[in-house]
C-alpha atoms as a PDB file:
ATOM      1  CA  MET A   1      66.773 -52.789-159.575  1.00  0.00           C
ATOM      2  CA  SER A   2      70.194 -51.473-159.762  1.00  0.00           C
ATOM      3  CA  ALA A   3      71.390 -48.945-162.325  1.00  0.00           C
ATOM      4  CA  GLU A   4      73.706 -51.538-164.055  1.00  0.00           C
ATOM      5  CA  LEU A   5      70.596 -53.702-164.814  1.00  0.00           C
ATOM      6  CA  THR A   6      68.597 -50.889-166.187  1.00  0.00           C
ATOM      7  CA  THR A   7      71.149 -48.770-167.936  1.00  0.00           C
ATOM      8  CA  TRP A   8      71.802 -49.801-171.511  1.00  0.00           C
ATOM      9  CA  GLY A   9      73.760 -48.379-174.702  1.00  0.00           C
ATOM     10  CA  CYS A  10      76.438 -45.832-174.388  1.00  0.00           C
ATOM     11  CA  ALA A  11      75.724 -45.094-170.723  1.00  0.00           C
ATOM     12  CA  ARG A  12      76.226 -48.720-169.917  1.00  0.00           C
ATOM     13  CA  HIS A  13      79.438 -48.755-171.745  1.00  0.00           C
ATOM     14  CA  ALA A  14      80.556 -45.759-169.779  1.00  0.00           C
ATOM     15  CA  GLN A  15      80.131 -47.813-166.708  1.00  0.00           C
ATOM     16  CA  LEU A  16      82.272 -50.553-168.228  1.00  0.00           C
ATOM     17  CA  GLY A  17      85.021 -48.558-169.737  1.00  0.00           C
ATOM     18  CA  LYS A  18      85.817 -45.836-172.202  1.00  0.00           C
ATOM     19  CA  THR A  19      83.286 -45.069-174.907  1.00  0.00           C
ATOM     20  CA  CYS A  20      83.884 -44.119-178.551  1.00  0.00           C
ATOM     21  CA  CYS A  21      83.658 -40.427-177.371  1.00  0.00           C
ATOM     22  CA  GLN A  22      86.743 -41.009-175.423  1.00  0.00           C
ATOM     23  CA  THR A  23      88.889 -43.289-177.733  1.00  0.00           C
ATOM     24  CA  CYS A  24      88.074 -42.201-181.303  1.00  0.00           C
ATOM     25  CA  GLU A  25      89.476 -39.481-183.365  1.00  0.00           C
ATOM     26  CA  VAL A  26      86.452 -37.702-184.777  1.00  0.00           C
ATOM     27  CA  PHE A  27      86.941 -36.522-188.221  1.00  0.00           C
ATOM     28  CA  VAL A  28      85.019 -33.254-189.169  1.00  0.00           C
ATOM     29  CA  THR A  29      83.916 -32.167-192.711  1.00  0.00           C
ATOM     30  CA  ALA A  30      83.846 -28.481-193.598  1.00  0.00           C
ATOM     31  CA  GLY A  31      79.967 -28.574-193.117  1.00  0.00           C
ATOM     32  CA  ASP A  32      80.411 -30.131-189.516  1.00  0.00           C
ATOM     33  CA  ARG A  33      82.706 -27.241-188.727  1.00  0.00           C
ATOM     34  CA  ARG A  34      80.502 -24.808-189.984  1.00  0.00           C
ATOM     35  CA  ARG A  35      77.461 -26.293-187.953  1.00  0.00           C
ATOM     36  CA  ILE A  36      79.248 -26.549-185.057  1.00  0.00           C
ATOM     37  CA  GLU A  37      80.511 -22.934-185.134  1.00  0.00           C
ATOM     38  CA  GLU A  38      77.151 -21.688-185.906  1.00  0.00           C
ATOM     39  CA  PHE A  39      75.471 -23.599-182.849  1.00  0.00           C
ATOM     40  CA  LEU A  40      78.442 -22.419-180.542  1.00  0.00           C
ATOM     41  CA  ARG A  41      77.844 -18.734-181.808  1.00  0.00           C
ATOM     42  CA  ALA A  42      74.191 -18.926-181.423  1.00  0.00           C
ATOM     43  CA  SER A  43      74.159 -20.625-177.888  1.00  0.00           C
ATOM     44  CA  GLY A  44      76.581 -17.842-176.622  1.00  0.00           C
ATOM     45  CA  SER A  45      79.027 -20.788-175.762  1.00  0.00           C
ATOM     46  CA  THR A  46      82.309 -20.106-174.128  1.00  0.00           C
ATOM     47  CA  GLU A  47      83.938 -22.976-175.886  1.00  0.00           C
ATOM     48  CA  PRO A  48      87.488 -22.590-177.156  1.00  0.00           C
ATOM     49  CA  ALA A  49      87.096 -21.117-180.820  1.00  0.00           C
ATOM     50  CA  ALA A  50      89.677 -23.862-182.081  1.00  0.00           C
ATOM     51  CA  PHE A  51      87.421 -26.864-181.417  1.00  0.00           C
ATOM     52  CA  TRP A  52      88.904 -28.744-184.234  1.00  0.00           C
ATOM     53  CA  GLU A  53      92.412 -28.976-185.643  1.00  0.00           C
ATOM     54  CA  TYR A  54      94.625 -30.687-188.454  1.00  0.00           C
ATOM     55  CA  ARG A  55      96.144 -33.966-186.957  1.00  0.00           C
ATOM     56  CA  ALA A  56      97.770 -36.981-188.295  1.00  0.00           C
ATOM     57  CA  PRO A  57      95.969 -40.376-186.756  1.00  0.00           C
ATOM     58  CA  ASP A  58      97.265 -41.488-183.642  1.00  0.00           C
ATOM     59  CA  ASP A  59      95.802 -45.001-184.737  1.00  0.00           C
ATOM     60  CA  ALA A  60      97.100 -46.153-188.076  1.00  0.00           C
ATOM     61  CA  ARG A  61      93.869 -48.087-188.623  1.00  0.00           C
ATOM     62  CA  TYR A  62      92.568 -44.706-189.725  1.00  0.00           C
ATOM     63  CA  LEU A  63      94.825 -44.902-192.667  1.00  0.00           C
ATOM     64  CA  ASP A  64      93.895 -48.429-193.587  1.00  0.00           C
ATOM     65  CA  GLN A  65      91.074 -47.665-195.967  1.00  0.00           C
ATOM     66  CA  GLU A  66      91.451 -50.317-198.767  1.00  0.00           C
ATOM     67  CA  HIS A  67      87.692 -50.780-198.768  1.00  0.00           C
ATOM     68  CA  ASP A  68      87.104 -46.979-199.342  1.00  0.00           C
ATOM     69  CA  PRO A  69      89.823 -45.335-201.308  1.00  0.00           C
ATOM     70  CA  SER A  70      87.794 -41.999-201.763  1.00  0.00           C
ATOM     71  CA  TRP A  71      88.062 -41.671-197.841  1.00  0.00           C
ATOM     72  CA  LEU A  72      91.828 -41.307-198.217  1.00  0.00           C
ATOM     73  CA  ARG A  73      91.621 -38.850-201.430  1.00  0.00           C
ATOM     74  CA  PHE A  74      88.870 -36.562-199.729  1.00  0.00           C
ATOM     75  CA  ALA A  75      89.476 -36.691-195.689  1.00  0.00           C
ATOM     76  CA  PHE A  76      93.299 -36.425-195.769  1.00  0.00           C
ATOM     77  CA  ARG A  77      95.636 -33.745-196.944  1.00  0.00           C
ATOM     78  CA  SER A  78      98.862 -34.898-198.652  1.00  0.00           C
ATOM     79  CA  ASP A  79     100.764 -34.804-195.379  1.00  0.00           C
ATOM     80  CA  LEU A  80      98.282 -37.392-194.019  1.00  0.00           C
ATOM     81  CA  THR A  81      96.696 -34.920-191.538  1.00  0.00           C
ATOM     82  CA  ARG A  82      92.917 -34.392-191.504  1.00  0.00           C
ATOM     83  CA  PRO A  83      90.299 -32.142-189.489  1.00  0.00           C
ATOM     84  CA  VAL A  84      89.441 -33.761-186.326  1.00  0.00           C
ATOM     85  CA  LEU A  85      87.738 -32.489-183.235  1.00  0.00           C
ATOM     86  CA  ARG A  86      90.159 -31.640-180.314  1.00  0.00           C
ATOM     87  CA  ARG A  87      90.379 -34.026-177.412  1.00  0.00           C
ATOM     88  CA  LEU A  88      90.800 -33.124-173.877  1.00  0.00           C
ATOM     89  CA  PRO A  89      94.018 -34.448-172.302  1.00  0.00           C
ATOM     90  CA  ALA A  90      92.390 -37.474-170.899  1.00  0.00           C
ATOM     91  CA  GLY A  91      91.208 -38.146-174.505  1.00  0.00           C
ATOM     92  CA  ASP A  92      87.645 -37.311-174.145  1.00  0.00           C
ATOM     93  CA  CYS A  93      85.896 -35.498-176.965  1.00  0.00           C
ATOM     94  CA  LEU A  94      85.765 -31.708-176.228  1.00  0.00           C
ATOM     95  CA  PHE A  95      81.958 -31.870-176.416  1.00  0.00           C
ATOM     96  CA  LEU A  96      81.507 -34.964-174.059  1.00  0.00           C
ATOM     97  CA  GLY A  97      79.544 -34.020-170.960  1.00  0.00           C
ATOM     98  CA  ARG A  98      78.387 -35.893-168.020  1.00  0.00           C
ATOM     99  CA  SER A  99      75.072 -36.926-169.864  1.00  0.00           C
ATOM    100  CA  GLY A 100      76.955 -37.697-173.305  1.00  0.00           C
ATOM    101  CA  CYS A 101      77.314 -35.323-176.184  1.00  0.00           C
ATOM    102  CA  ARG A 102      76.586 -31.726-175.548  1.00  0.00           C
ATOM    103  CA  LEU A 103      75.876 -30.895-179.145  1.00  0.00           C
ATOM    104  CA  PRO A 104      72.347 -31.505-180.582  1.00  0.00           C
ATOM    105  CA  LEU A 105      71.968 -34.421-183.091  1.00  0.00           C
ATOM    106  CA  SER A 106      71.754 -32.113-185.960  1.00  0.00           C
ATOM    107  CA  VAL A 107      74.969 -30.439-185.142  1.00  0.00           C
ATOM    108  CA  ARG A 108      77.093 -33.348-184.290  1.00  0.00           C
ATOM    109  CA  PRO A 109      79.668 -34.621-186.925  1.00  0.00           C
ATOM    110  CA  LEU A 110      78.099 -36.776-189.451  1.00  0.00           C
ATOM    111  CA  VAL A 111      80.805 -39.633-188.538  1.00  0.00           C
ATOM    112  CA  CYS A 112      79.164 -39.464-184.989  1.00  0.00           C
ATOM    113  CA  ARG A 113      75.695 -39.623-186.261  1.00  0.00           C
ATOM    114  CA  LEU A 114      76.512 -42.674-188.374  1.00  0.00           C
ATOM    115  CA  TYR A 115      78.214 -44.683-185.490  1.00  0.00           C
ATOM    116  CA  PRO A 116      78.027 -47.718-185.147  1.00  0.00           C
ATOM    117  CA  TYR A 117      77.240 -48.143-188.716  1.00  0.00           C
ATOM    118  CA  THR A 118      80.219 -49.125-191.036  1.00  0.00           C
ATOM    119  CA  TYR A 119      80.311 -47.775-194.356  1.00  0.00           C
ATOM    120  CA  ALA A 120      82.295 -46.907-197.537  1.00  0.00           C
ATOM    121  CA  GLU A 121      81.347 -44.300-200.261  1.00  0.00           C
ATOM    122  CA  GLN A 122      79.102 -46.634-202.075  1.00  0.00           C
ATOM    123  CA  SER A 123      77.104 -47.913-199.268  1.00  0.00           C
ATOM    124  CA  ILE A 124      76.306 -48.778-195.440  1.00  0.00           C
ATOM    125  CA  ASP A 125      78.093 -52.257-194.889  1.00  0.00           C
ATOM    126  CA  GLY A 126      76.705 -53.161-191.441  1.00  0.00           C
ATOM    127  CA  VAL A 127      77.095 -52.516-187.738  1.00  0.00           C
ATOM    128  CA  SER A 128      80.516 -52.228-186.039  1.00  0.00           C
ATOM    129  CA  ASP A 129      81.264 -54.857-183.668  1.00  0.00           C
ATOM    130  CA  GLU A 130      83.223 -52.509-181.450  1.00  0.00           C
ATOM    131  CA  CYS A 131      80.288 -51.864-179.228  1.00  0.00           C
ATOM    132  CA  PRO A 132      80.450 -54.315-176.364  1.00  0.00           C
ATOM    133  CA  ARG A 133      77.643 -56.989-176.374  1.00  0.00           C
ATOM    134  CA  GLU A 134      77.131 -56.370-172.897  1.00  0.00           C
ATOM    135  CA  VAL A 135      75.582 -52.819-173.579  1.00  0.00           C
ATOM    136  CA  VAL A 136      72.774 -54.541-175.505  1.00  0.00           C
ATOM    137  CA  PRO A 137      69.890 -56.123-173.374  1.00  0.00           C
ATOM    138  CA  PRO A 138      68.844 -59.551-174.239  1.00  0.00           C
ATOM    139  CA  GLY A 139      66.528 -59.478-177.183  1.00  0.00           C
ATOM    140  CA  ALA A 140      67.496 -56.271-178.743  1.00  0.00           C
ATOM    141  CA  THR A 141      70.242 -54.829-181.125  1.00  0.00           C
ATOM    142  CA  ILE A 142      72.610 -52.038-180.621  1.00  0.00           C
ATOM    143  CA  LEU A 143      70.680 -49.962-183.316  1.00  0.00           C
ATOM    144  CA  GLN A 144      67.220 -50.652-181.090  1.00  0.00           C
ATOM    145  CA  VAL A 145      69.211 -49.550-177.997  1.00  0.00           C
ATOM    146  CA  LEU A 146      70.708 -46.280-179.777  1.00  0.00           C
ATOM    147  CA  ASP A 147      67.216 -45.744-181.476  1.00  0.00           C
ATOM    148  CA  MET A 148      69.117 -45.611-184.813  1.00  0.00           C
ATOM    149  CA  ARG A 149      67.153 -45.946-187.925  1.00  0.00           C
ATOM    150  CA  ARG A 150      68.595 -46.803-191.153  1.00  0.00           C
ATOM    151  CA  GLU A 151      66.465 -44.370-193.213  1.00  0.00           C
ATOM    152  CA  GLU A 152      68.179 -41.296-191.065  1.00  0.00           C
ATOM    153  CA  ALA A 153      71.568 -43.096-191.482  1.00  0.00           C
ATOM    154  CA  ASP A 154      71.292 -43.304-195.359  1.00  0.00           C
ATOM    155  CA  VAL A 155      70.817 -39.456-195.472  1.00  0.00           C
ATOM    156  CA  TRP A 156      73.637 -38.862-193.302  1.00  0.00           C
ATOM    157  CA  HIS A 157      75.856 -40.968-195.239  1.00  0.00           C
ATOM    158  CA  ARG A 158      75.004 -39.502-198.409  1.00  0.00           C
ATOM    159  CA  GLN A 159      75.522 -36.006-196.679  1.00  0.00           C
ATOM    160  CA  LEU A 160      78.930 -37.230-195.636  1.00  0.00           C
ATOM    161  CA  TYR A 161      80.082 -38.111-198.857  1.00  0.00           C
ATOM    162  CA  GLU A 162      78.579 -34.888-200.504  1.00  0.00           C
ATOM    163  CA  GLU A 163      80.504 -33.040-197.889  1.00  0.00           C
ATOM    164  CA  LEU A 164      83.815 -34.868-198.442  1.00  0.00           C
ATOM    165  CA  ARG A 165      83.525 -34.450-202.122  1.00  0.00           C
ATOM    166  CA  ALA A 166      82.777 -30.775-201.861  1.00  0.00           C
ATOM    167  CA  GLY A 167      85.716 -30.139-199.286  1.00  0.00           C
ATOM    168  CA  SER A 168      88.148 -32.477-201.248  1.00  0.00           C
ATOM    169  CA  ALA A 169      90.450 -29.559-201.723  1.00  0.00           C
ATOM    170  CA  LEU A 170      91.575 -29.488-198.087  1.00  0.00           C
ATOM    171  CA  GLU A 171      93.885 -26.527-197.258  1.00  0.00           C
ATOM    172  CA  GLU A 172      97.449 -27.754-197.834  1.00  0.00           C
ATOM    173  CA  PRO A 173      99.940 -26.948-194.876  1.00  0.00           C
ATOM    174  CA  SER A 174     102.123 -24.044-195.574  1.00  0.00           C
ATOM    175  CA  ARG A 175     105.428 -24.906-196.662  1.00  0.00           C
END
């Protein structure tokens, strides 16, 4: 059987085109940054010290948060920049390796752990339709393919908004 017929999920998506690890702007909370820094230090990594930056969204959809006004208040500074993982020149996440994310699940940014769930502060709303249907084998769902459990997503969702609220005083740019 060919790899195309037996490979599903993100690996299959990568065969079809760019994945979210190559196209999305990954927001990182202060907690995410601390977890990643600790992991990099403990692993003796040679990753660049500046793995994140404050940046305005390249995609205006990141600013369209009518369904979740807390997101704009907690995730963005007054100049509409927010902390995101740096991306390589081709757009790939700095931590994307040949076999996927090089960060352990417990260290990955909370928004990465939650994807493809869609959510607002009050609840997890559903599952994104941006994952192409071709990556899901017949009779399965994307959540089954990714081995995602709602109980874990609920914990990460709570943690994300706790960290957002705790870090709502984002450093403002120097004037």
